[in-house]
Amino acid sequence: MKDATVSARVEYDVKEKAEFILQSLGIPVSVLINALYRQIIFQKGIPFSISIPQPPKAADELSEDELNAELSIGYAQAMRGEGRPAKEVFDELERKYR
C-alpha cells in the first residue's frame, strides 16, 4: 500500500526536462521514485555510480591516437547533423558566464 510521501526541492529546469522525458515514456514520476527506492533496497546502495567526472583534456594533453579518436567522433557527429553553429555556442557561453 502506498501511504508515504516524498518531498524534495530540485532546480526547476531539471524537473521540467526530466518530467518531459518521463511523460514521453509514459512513466509517472511516482513510479520512477518507487522503482529507485526499491533498487536502493535491493542493491543496498545507490544503483548507479556517482563520481566527480574528469575534466576533458586539452588537445595538447592528448596523444596522437587520442586526438584522432576525438576528432573522428566530432566528425561523425557533424556528419549526422548533431553539431551547432559556433556563433550560437559562443553566444550561449557569453550569456551564461556574464
Protein backbone atom coordinates (compact mmCIF):
# COMPACT_ATOMS: atom_id res chain seq x y z
CA MET A 1 0.00 0.00 0.00
CA LYS A 2 1.37 3.41 -0.96
CA ASP A 3 0.94 5.55 2.13
CA ALA A 4 4.10 7.70 2.35
CA THR A 5 5.01 10.97 0.67
CA VAL A 6 8.43 12.01 -0.58
CA SER A 7 9.15 15.70 -0.98
CA ALA A 8 12.31 17.17 -2.50
CA ARG A 9 13.36 20.55 -3.84
CA VAL A 10 15.05 20.47 -7.24
CA GLU A 11 16.02 23.02 -9.86
CA TYR A 12 13.01 23.99 -11.97
CA ASP A 13 14.61 23.31 -15.36
CA VAL A 14 15.92 19.91 -14.22
CA LYS A 15 12.43 18.95 -13.02
CA GLU A 16 10.79 20.13 -16.25
CA LYS A 17 13.25 18.32 -18.53
CA ALA A 18 13.10 15.08 -16.55
CA GLU A 19 9.31 15.10 -16.31
CA PHE A 20 9.02 15.77 -20.05
CA ILE A 21 11.14 12.69 -20.76
CA LEU A 22 9.21 10.57 -18.26
CA GLN A 23 5.90 11.74 -19.76
CA SER A 24 7.19 10.83 -23.24
CA LEU A 25 7.98 7.35 -21.90
CA GLY A 26 4.60 7.10 -20.19
CA ILE A 27 6.16 6.72 -16.74
CA PRO A 28 4.69 8.67 -13.81
CA VAL A 29 7.25 10.32 -11.51
CA SER A 30 5.92 8.34 -8.55
CA VAL A 31 6.55 5.05 -10.37
CA LEU A 32 10.15 6.07 -11.09
CA ILE A 33 10.79 7.16 -7.49
CA ASN A 34 9.28 3.92 -6.17
CA ALA A 35 11.47 1.90 -8.57
CA LEU A 36 14.56 3.87 -7.49
CA TYR A 37 13.83 3.26 -3.82
CA ARG A 38 13.32 -0.46 -4.49
CA GLN A 39 16.67 -0.63 -6.30
CA ILE A 40 18.36 1.13 -3.38
CA ILE A 41 16.93 -1.52 -1.07
CA PHE A 42 17.78 -4.40 -3.43
CA GLN A 43 21.37 -3.27 -4.02
CA LYS A 44 21.85 -1.90 -0.52
CA GLY A 45 23.18 1.31 -2.01
CA ILE A 46 22.77 3.76 -4.86
CA PRO A 47 22.03 1.76 -8.02
CA PHE A 48 24.37 3.77 -10.22
CA SER A 49 27.82 5.25 -9.99
CA ILE A 50 28.20 8.73 -8.59
CA SER A 51 31.60 10.27 -9.16
CA ILE A 52 33.28 13.52 -10.00
CA PRO A 53 33.89 13.45 -13.74
CA GLN A 54 37.39 14.01 -15.02
CA PRO A 55 37.70 17.31 -16.86
CA PRO A 56 38.34 16.91 -20.56
CA LYS A 57 41.96 17.06 -21.64
CA ALA A 58 43.22 19.93 -23.76
CA ALA A 59 44.30 18.99 -27.28
CA ASP A 60 47.99 19.30 -26.36
CA GLU A 61 47.50 16.81 -23.49
CA LEU A 62 46.19 14.07 -25.80
CA SER A 63 48.32 11.51 -27.57
CA GLU A 64 48.05 11.49 -31.35
CA ASP A 65 45.77 8.42 -31.20
CA GLU A 66 43.53 10.02 -28.56
CA LEU A 67 43.29 13.25 -30.57
CA ASN A 68 42.43 11.36 -33.76
CA ALA A 69 39.76 9.37 -31.89
CA GLU A 70 38.18 12.58 -30.53
CA LEU A 71 38.31 14.23 -33.96
CA SER A 72 36.67 11.15 -35.52
CA ILE A 73 33.83 11.32 -33.00
CA GLY A 74 33.32 15.01 -33.72
CA TYR A 75 33.40 14.44 -37.46
CA ALA A 76 30.81 11.64 -37.21
CA GLN A 77 28.55 13.84 -35.10
CA ALA A 78 28.85 16.67 -37.63
CA MET A 79 28.03 14.32 -40.49
CA ARG A 80 24.87 13.25 -38.61
CA GLY A 81 23.88 16.91 -38.23
CA GLU A 82 24.35 16.87 -34.46
CA GLY A 83 26.53 19.97 -34.35
CA ARG A 84 25.62 23.58 -33.67
CA PRO A 85 26.97 26.73 -35.28
CA ALA A 86 29.98 28.09 -33.36
CA LYS A 87 28.37 31.55 -33.08
CA GLU A 88 25.35 30.01 -31.33
CA VAL A 89 27.58 28.15 -28.87
CA PHE A 90 29.75 31.18 -28.10
CA ASP A 91 26.68 33.42 -27.69
CA GLU A 92 25.23 30.92 -25.22
CA LEU A 93 28.50 30.73 -23.27
CA GLU A 94 28.72 34.51 -23.14
CA ARG A 95 25.17 34.81 -21.78
CA LYS A 96 25.82 32.06 -19.23
CA TYR A 97 29.09 33.42 -17.88
CA ARG A 98 28.45 37.17 -17.88
